[in-house]
Every structure is written in C-alpha cells, then in structure tokens.
C-alpha cells in the first residue's frame, strides 16, 4: 500500500514538473522567430543569411533566446569549420569562425543556453598525442572577452576506440553524443554521460527504445532532458535515407522512438535537429531539394512549426 502510494506521488510529481517546464518554455522569447512563418511544410531557414546554398551546412544550435547561432559549414575541399552569428537589430550578423585553425576539422557544434560555451568535435591532437588529423574527440570552447579562447578536451572513458559525433549538453551539463567504433564492427549509437560537477562519468549507451542494430546519430537533447530527437538510418519505417525520430523521457525511462512523419522527413537525408527553447519550431539539416520534389541538394537548413504534444500523445509504454 505504502509502496503503491509512493509510486503515485512520484508520477504526480513528474507530471507537475513536466507542465511547469512546458509553461516556462512557453514564456521564452526567441528573438528571431518574428521572421519565421507558422508552417507545416519545411522551408529554408533564413536563406542567404544563415542558409547559403552551395555550402554544406550541419548542426544549427542556438542560445536560449536565439540571439546566437553556431553551426558547421563545409565546402567539401577544406576541413569543415564552425561559425557563429549574432542576431542584432532584426538580423543575423555575418558568419565568424570560432577559430582560425585551417589544418584541423571542427564540426557538430552545439551551444549552451547562455551562449557562452560551444561543444563540438575536432581532430585536434588529444592530450599531447600525435597530430595526424586522424582521430576526433569532443572539445569545449568558452567565450572570453576577446573571443572563444583555447578549447578544453573532454576525456571520456569508452569501451572501444572510435569516433564521436554531435555532442549536445543539457542545462545541468549532462552530455549526449553519437559514437561509432573505429573497426567498423557495429553502427553508430547514441550515448549519455552524466556531469558530476568536476568531470564526466563513464558514458552509458542509451536503451533499445532509441538505439538499434542500425545507425543512429545527430542527437539533440532538450535542455531539461524531456525528449531526445535523433537521426535514424535504414529503419523499416523510414521515408528517406535518414529520418528524424523523437523519444520522450517518462517515469519508466525513455519511450520507444517515434518517426516525426512524412510532413517533416523527406526522401533524402534528414538530421541535425534543434528545437527552439519555446518548443515552437524544429530547425534541421536536410538533403532534399528546396524546389524540386524528387531531387537532392546536400545540405541546407530548414525549419517547420513543431507540435511537441502531438508526438507525446503517441507514446506507448
């Protein structure tokens, strides 16, 4: 009887926290949203200003109020680089690289809520190791009075050698990322590492509700860890080469991942998701062609109005 009552109290508490978090998010003012439409079909995100066709663009991430954006661009010739833009006087500034290094690759960047930390992957040499550009790791840049300073290497205890992708952090600095073994013995999976005030604990692979024997990548974790959106490849329910999926954290753990549907996913690659802090818009990278329905153009940034509760209602535990 007492055990049953405790369980009910826990459920009520979690529901109360959920609604409190939703209400708080609804009050967030995202500064660039006045320039977006309410749409159900994805459109290019700020073409010519942020999205520049002809460049490959990955992983848009914003500060909580939307005043700063960070993302990866690649011309397919030189190493990829991470750039930032600031929203001021009704528009985003010109892109500025966070580092002048042209020898190493910088990619898969995400921004903290306050806009003062950028977490990314890079082929910078680790702990004084060999500088041969062959091994990537997770790094963090912290904003200073003069720029972004020197990055800190995030050392993680993994069970096998491999490569990292799309690190994203929560408000309490927990880390979610994708990881693929160097020997090719399995596909990429999504992992979680808890921050314990000094460093990151040994990462844990997320459960089968999210990871399968297929390829999972591009994780976006909500700052309160209410939900996770990621790219799933080669799944039976896919509409394209990779589709976006969502999983919610419930009192039982992570829910079974749900495909975001053909209204959002395309025949091509869809990935690098981000949900604005007020839950109103999904911003993501896609290989679809902006004008030609059955063709591809790799890669541009799109946005679409997002209904989080629509997907939450589909949860089956």
Protein backbone atom coordinates (compact mmCIF):
# COMPACT_ATOMS: atom_id res chain seq x y z
CA UNK A 1 0.00 0.00 0.00
CA UNK A 2 2.74 2.47 1.02
CA UNK A 3 4.88 1.42 -1.95
CA UNK A 4 1.92 1.99 -4.29
CA UNK A 5 1.27 5.44 -2.77
CA UNK A 6 4.93 6.41 -3.18
CA UNK A 7 4.82 5.41 -6.83
CA UNK A 8 1.69 7.52 -7.41
CA UNK A 9 3.28 10.51 -5.68
CA UNK A 10 6.36 10.13 -7.90
CA UNK A 11 4.23 10.08 -11.05
CA UNK A 12 2.25 13.16 -9.96
CA UNK A 13 5.50 14.96 -9.15
CA UNK A 14 6.96 14.16 -12.57
CA UNK A 15 3.79 15.36 -14.32
CA UNK A 16 3.85 18.59 -12.27
CA UNK A 17 7.48 19.19 -13.20
CA UNK A 18 6.70 18.48 -16.85
CA UNK A 19 3.88 21.05 -17.01
CA UNK A 20 5.98 23.56 -15.06
CA UNK A 21 8.80 23.12 -17.58
CA UNK A 22 6.39 23.47 -20.54
CA UNK A 23 4.93 26.66 -19.05
CA UNK A 24 8.41 28.10 -18.54
CA UNK A 25 9.39 27.29 -22.14
CA UNK A 26 6.23 28.98 -23.42
CA UNK A 27 7.41 32.24 -21.80
CA UNK A 28 10.79 32.18 -23.56
CA UNK A 29 11.20 34.97 -26.13
CA UNK A 30 13.20 33.67 -29.13
CA UNK A 31 14.33 36.84 -30.88
CA UNK A 32 14.44 35.65 -34.50
CA UNK A 33 11.01 33.99 -34.55
CA UNK A 34 9.31 37.17 -35.76
CA UNK A 35 10.97 36.45 -39.11
CA UNK A 36 9.60 32.90 -39.36
CA UNK A 37 6.24 31.72 -40.63
CA UNK A 38 3.86 29.27 -38.98
CA UNK A 39 4.20 26.41 -41.46
CA UNK A 40 3.59 22.68 -41.70
CA UNK A 41 5.86 22.14 -44.73
CA UNK A 42 9.59 22.70 -44.11
CA UNK A 43 11.17 25.79 -45.71
CA UNK A 44 14.73 27.08 -45.96
CA UNK A 45 15.86 28.78 -42.77
CA UNK A 46 16.83 32.40 -43.46
CA UNK A 47 18.16 31.78 -46.99
CA UNK A 48 21.15 33.89 -47.99
CA UNK A 49 21.74 34.94 -44.36
CA UNK A 50 22.19 31.65 -42.49
CA UNK A 51 21.44 29.04 -45.14
CA UNK A 52 23.74 29.59 -48.11
CA UNK A 53 23.18 27.18 -50.95
CA UNK A 54 26.32 25.66 -52.36
CA UNK A 55 27.81 25.11 -48.90
CA UNK A 56 27.14 22.02 -46.83
CA UNK A 57 25.58 23.16 -43.57
CA UNK A 58 25.25 20.97 -40.47
CA UNK A 59 24.04 21.14 -36.91
CA UNK A 60 22.47 24.51 -36.16
CA UNK A 61 22.27 25.28 -32.43
CA UNK A 62 21.22 28.46 -30.61
CA UNK A 63 21.45 30.20 -27.28
CA UNK A 64 18.19 30.05 -25.32
CA UNK A 65 16.94 33.42 -26.56
CA UNK A 66 18.05 32.75 -30.14
CA UNK A 67 20.43 35.72 -30.20
CA UNK A 68 23.39 33.50 -31.10
CA UNK A 69 23.69 30.61 -33.54
CA UNK A 70 26.53 28.16 -34.12
CA UNK A 71 26.81 25.65 -36.96
CA UNK A 72 29.21 23.75 -39.21
CA UNK A 73 29.91 24.59 -42.85
CA UNK A 74 31.92 22.67 -45.41
CA UNK A 75 32.93 23.45 -48.98
CA UNK A 76 33.94 19.77 -49.46
CA UNK A 77 37.54 20.87 -50.21
CA UNK A 78 38.98 22.28 -46.97
CA UNK A 79 38.39 20.92 -43.44
CA UNK A 80 34.95 21.76 -42.08
CA UNK A 81 34.71 24.79 -39.79
CA UNK A 82 32.39 26.04 -37.09
CA UNK A 83 30.97 29.56 -37.33
CA UNK A 84 28.76 31.78 -35.19
CA UNK A 85 26.34 34.59 -35.96
CA UNK A 86 24.67 37.10 -33.65
CA UNK A 87 21.11 38.38 -34.04
CA UNK A 88 21.05 42.15 -33.63
CA UNK A 89 18.75 44.90 -34.93
CA UNK A 90 16.48 42.37 -36.60
CA UNK A 91 19.06 40.32 -38.47
CA UNK A 92 21.92 37.88 -38.07
CA UNK A 93 25.48 39.16 -38.49
CA UNK A 94 27.93 37.71 -40.99
CA UNK A 95 29.35 34.27 -40.05
CA UNK A 96 32.55 34.33 -37.99
CA UNK A 97 34.75 31.23 -37.48
CA UNK A 98 35.31 30.48 -33.79
CA UNK A 99 38.93 29.57 -34.50
CA UNK A 100 41.37 30.47 -37.29
CA UNK A 101 42.83 26.93 -37.48
CA UNK A 102 42.57 25.65 -41.08
CA UNK A 103 44.50 22.40 -40.53
CA UNK A 104 42.05 20.55 -38.27
CA UNK A 105 38.41 19.72 -38.72
CA UNK A 106 35.81 21.34 -36.43
CA UNK A 107 32.22 20.11 -36.66
CA UNK A 108 28.95 19.11 -34.98
CA UNK A 109 28.77 22.17 -32.73
CA UNK A 110 26.12 22.91 -30.11
CA UNK A 111 25.68 25.98 -27.92
CA UNK A 112 24.88 26.27 -24.23
CA UNK A 113 21.71 28.08 -23.15
CA UNK A 114 23.65 31.17 -22.07
CA UNK A 115 25.62 31.25 -25.32
CA UNK A 116 28.96 31.12 -23.51
CA UNK A 117 30.03 27.52 -24.27
CA UNK A 118 30.32 25.68 -27.58
CA UNK A 119 30.71 21.90 -27.54
CA UNK A 120 31.95 20.26 -30.74
CA UNK A 121 34.06 17.54 -32.32
CA UNK A 122 37.54 18.18 -33.66
CA UNK A 123 40.63 16.39 -34.92
CA UNK A 124 42.86 18.50 -32.66
CA UNK A 125 45.61 16.39 -31.01
CA UNK A 126 44.44 14.97 -27.69
CA UNK A 127 46.50 15.24 -24.50
CA UNK A 128 49.69 15.92 -26.41
CA UNK A 129 49.13 12.98 -28.75
CA UNK A 130 50.13 12.60 -32.39
CA UNK A 131 48.88 15.47 -34.55
CA UNK A 132 47.90 13.49 -37.65
CA UNK A 133 44.28 14.65 -38.02
CA UNK A 134 43.10 11.03 -37.84
CA UNK A 135 41.26 10.95 -34.50
CA UNK A 136 38.40 13.15 -33.44
CA UNK A 137 37.25 13.93 -29.94
CA UNK A 138 34.89 16.20 -28.04
CA UNK A 139 36.06 19.71 -27.13
CA UNK A 140 34.56 22.78 -25.49
CA UNK A 141 35.21 26.42 -26.26
CA UNK A 142 34.34 29.06 -23.65
CA UNK A 143 33.64 32.66 -24.52
CA UNK A 144 36.15 35.24 -23.30
CA UNK A 145 36.35 39.00 -23.61
CA UNK A 146 38.39 38.58 -26.79
CA UNK A 147 36.73 35.61 -28.48
CA UNK A 148 36.44 31.89 -27.82
CA UNK A 149 39.79 31.12 -26.20
CA UNK A 150 41.58 27.77 -26.25
CA UNK A 151 39.36 24.67 -26.17
CA UNK A 152 39.22 22.11 -23.37
CA UNK A 153 39.39 18.43 -24.28
CA UNK A 154 36.54 16.34 -22.83
CA UNK A 155 38.05 12.98 -21.94
CA UNK A 156 35.53 10.13 -21.91
CA UNK A 157 36.10 6.51 -20.90
CA UNK A 158 34.79 4.47 -23.83
CA UNK A 159 34.94 0.67 -24.10
CA UNK A 160 36.42 0.72 -27.59
CA UNK A 161 38.24 3.09 -29.94
CA UNK A 162 36.01 5.14 -32.17
CA UNK A 163 34.80 8.48 -33.41
CA UNK A 164 32.43 11.00 -31.84
CA UNK A 165 29.56 12.94 -33.35
CA UNK A 166 27.08 15.68 -32.40
CA UNK A 167 27.74 16.30 -28.71
CA UNK A 168 24.92 18.24 -27.05
CA UNK A 169 24.57 19.28 -23.42
CA UNK A 170 21.68 19.83 -21.04
CA UNK A 171 21.17 22.72 -18.64
CA UNK A 172 22.97 20.75 -15.90
CA UNK A 173 25.80 19.92 -18.37
CA UNK A 174 24.96 16.25 -18.95
CA UNK A 175 26.35 15.19 -22.31
CA UNK A 176 24.67 13.26 -25.14
CA UNK A 177 26.62 12.23 -28.23
CA UNK A 178 26.94 9.68 -31.02
CA UNK A 179 29.83 7.22 -31.19
CA UNK A 180 30.99 4.75 -33.83
CA UNK A 181 33.73 2.10 -33.43
CA UNK A 182 36.90 2.59 -35.44
CA UNK A 183 37.00 -1.05 -36.56
CA UNK A 184 33.58 -0.95 -38.23
CA UNK A 185 32.22 -3.86 -36.19
CA UNK A 186 28.96 -2.06 -35.44
CA UNK A 187 26.97 1.02 -36.38
CA UNK A 188 26.91 4.38 -34.64
CA UNK A 189 24.90 4.59 -31.40
CA UNK A 190 23.88 7.36 -29.01
CA UNK A 191 25.42 7.64 -25.54
CA UNK A 192 24.87 9.66 -22.38
CA UNK A 193 27.43 10.88 -19.85
CA UNK A 194 26.47 12.48 -16.54
CA UNK A 195 28.36 15.56 -15.37
CA UNK A 196 29.32 15.30 -11.71
CA UNK A 197 30.50 18.87 -11.07
CA UNK A 198 34.10 18.10 -11.93
CA UNK A 199 34.17 15.79 -14.93
CA UNK A 200 32.08 13.40 -16.99
CA UNK A 201 31.25 9.91 -15.80
CA UNK A 202 31.70 6.80 -17.93
CA UNK A 203 29.22 7.08 -20.83
CA UNK A 204 26.18 4.80 -20.99
CA UNK A 205 24.67 3.61 -24.24
CA UNK A 206 21.02 4.63 -24.50
CA UNK A 207 18.49 1.75 -24.47
CA UNK A 208 16.91 -0.18 -27.32
CA UNK A 209 13.97 2.24 -27.44
CA UNK A 210 16.49 4.54 -29.17
CA UNK A 211 19.49 2.50 -30.32
CA UNK A 212 19.01 -0.44 -32.70
CA UNK A 213 21.38 -2.53 -34.79
CA UNK A 214 21.05 0.18 -37.43
CA UNK A 215 22.82 3.57 -37.49
CA UNK A 216 21.69 6.27 -35.03
CA UNK A 217 23.25 9.72 -34.89
CA UNK A 218 22.79 13.50 -34.68
CA UNK A 219 21.25 13.57 -31.17
CA UNK A 220 19.55 16.73 -29.90
CA UNK A 221 18.74 16.63 -26.20
CA UNK A 222 16.22 19.01 -24.70
CA UNK A 223 17.87 21.20 -22.06
CA UNK A 224 15.60 19.69 -19.37
CA UNK A 225 16.01 16.15 -20.82
CA UNK A 226 12.28 15.94 -21.54
CA UNK A 227 12.89 14.49 -25.01
CA UNK A 228 15.59 13.45 -27.47
CA UNK A 229 15.45 13.85 -31.26
CA UNK A 230 17.92 11.98 -33.46
CA UNK A 231 18.54 10.67 -36.97
CA UNK A 232 17.77 7.02 -37.67
CA UNK A 233 19.18 5.35 -40.79
CA UNK A 234 17.84 2.35 -42.73
CA UNK A 235 14.86 1.73 -40.45
CA UNK A 236 11.82 -0.04 -41.86
CA UNK A 237 9.56 2.93 -41.11
CA UNK A 238 11.88 5.46 -42.78
CA UNK A 239 10.66 7.71 -45.57
CA UNK A 240 14.20 8.51 -46.74
CA UNK A 241 17.88 7.77 -46.31
CA UNK A 242 17.75 9.02 -42.72
CA UNK A 243 14.69 10.17 -40.77
CA UNK A 244 14.21 12.19 -37.62
CA UNK A 245 12.82 10.34 -34.56
CA UNK A 246 11.74 11.51 -31.11
CA UNK A 247 11.81 9.73 -27.75
CA UNK A 248 10.38 11.13 -24.51
CA UNK A 249 11.70 10.59 -21.01
CA UNK A 250 8.93 9.20 -18.82
CA UNK A 251 8.80 7.83 -15.27
CA UNK A 252 9.69 4.44 -16.81
CA UNK A 253 12.65 5.71 -18.78
CA UNK A 254 12.93 6.54 -22.47
CA UNK A 255 9.86 5.88 -24.63
CA UNK A 256 10.01 3.97 -27.90
CA UNK A 257 11.26 6.34 -30.60
CA UNK A 258 8.59 7.76 -32.92
CA UNK A 259 9.20 8.79 -36.54
CA UNK A 260 8.41 12.51 -36.98
CA UNK A 261 6.42 11.62 -40.09
CA UNK A 262 6.41 12.40 -43.79
CA UNK A 263 5.35 16.01 -43.16
CA UNK A 264 8.88 16.61 -41.80
CA UNK A 265 11.04 13.78 -43.16
CA UNK A 266 11.89 13.52 -46.86
CA UNK A 267 13.19 11.03 -49.42
CA UNK A 268 16.74 12.21 -48.67
CA UNK A 269 18.86 12.69 -45.54
CA UNK A 270 17.26 14.48 -42.60
CA UNK A 271 19.30 15.13 -39.47
CA UNK A 272 21.00 17.69 -37.19
CA UNK A 273 17.78 18.59 -35.31
CA UNK A 274 17.24 21.51 -32.96
CA UNK A 275 14.05 22.62 -31.19
CA UNK A 276 13.75 26.27 -30.17
CA UNK A 277 13.61 26.94 -26.42
CA UNK A 278 9.87 27.71 -26.60
CA UNK A 279 9.18 24.37 -28.38
CA UNK A 280 7.60 26.21 -31.35
CA UNK A 281 10.00 25.37 -34.18
CA UNK A 282 12.11 22.45 -35.38
CA UNK A 283 15.26 23.51 -37.26
CA UNK A 284 17.20 20.78 -39.04
CA UNK A 285 19.51 19.88 -41.91
CA UNK A 286 18.11 18.14 -44.98
CA UNK A 287 19.35 16.81 -48.30
CA UNK A 288 16.02 17.48 -50.05
CA UNK A 289 16.00 19.98 -52.89
CA UNK A 290 14.21 23.20 -51.86
CA UNK A 291 12.24 23.43 -55.13
CA UNK A 292 12.39 20.05 -56.89
CA UNK A 293 10.38 17.43 -55.05
CA UNK A 294 12.26 14.29 -56.08
CA UNK A 295 15.80 15.66 -56.21
CA UNK A 296 18.54 16.29 -53.66
CA UNK A 297 20.74 19.24 -52.70
CA UNK A 298 23.27 18.44 -49.96
CA UNK A 299 22.88 20.11 -47.41
CA UNK A 300 20.66 23.04 -46.39
CA UNK A 301 18.94 24.14 -43.18
CA UNK A 302 15.14 24.01 -42.97
CA UNK A 303 12.58 24.96 -40.36
CA UNK A 304 8.98 23.96 -39.64
CA UNK A 305 6.43 24.63 -36.92
CA UNK A 306 6.65 21.94 -34.26
CA UNK A 307 3.92 20.37 -32.15
CA UNK A 308 5.66 18.54 -29.32
CA UNK A 309 2.41 17.37 -27.69
CA UNK A 310 1.28 15.74 -30.93
CA UNK A 311 4.15 13.28 -30.61
CA UNK A 312 3.88 12.90 -26.86
CA UNK A 313 0.29 11.70 -27.38
CA UNK A 314 1.64 8.82 -29.49
CA UNK A 315 3.74 7.34 -26.69
CA UNK A 316 3.04 3.68 -25.98
CA UNK A 317 4.93 2.34 -22.97
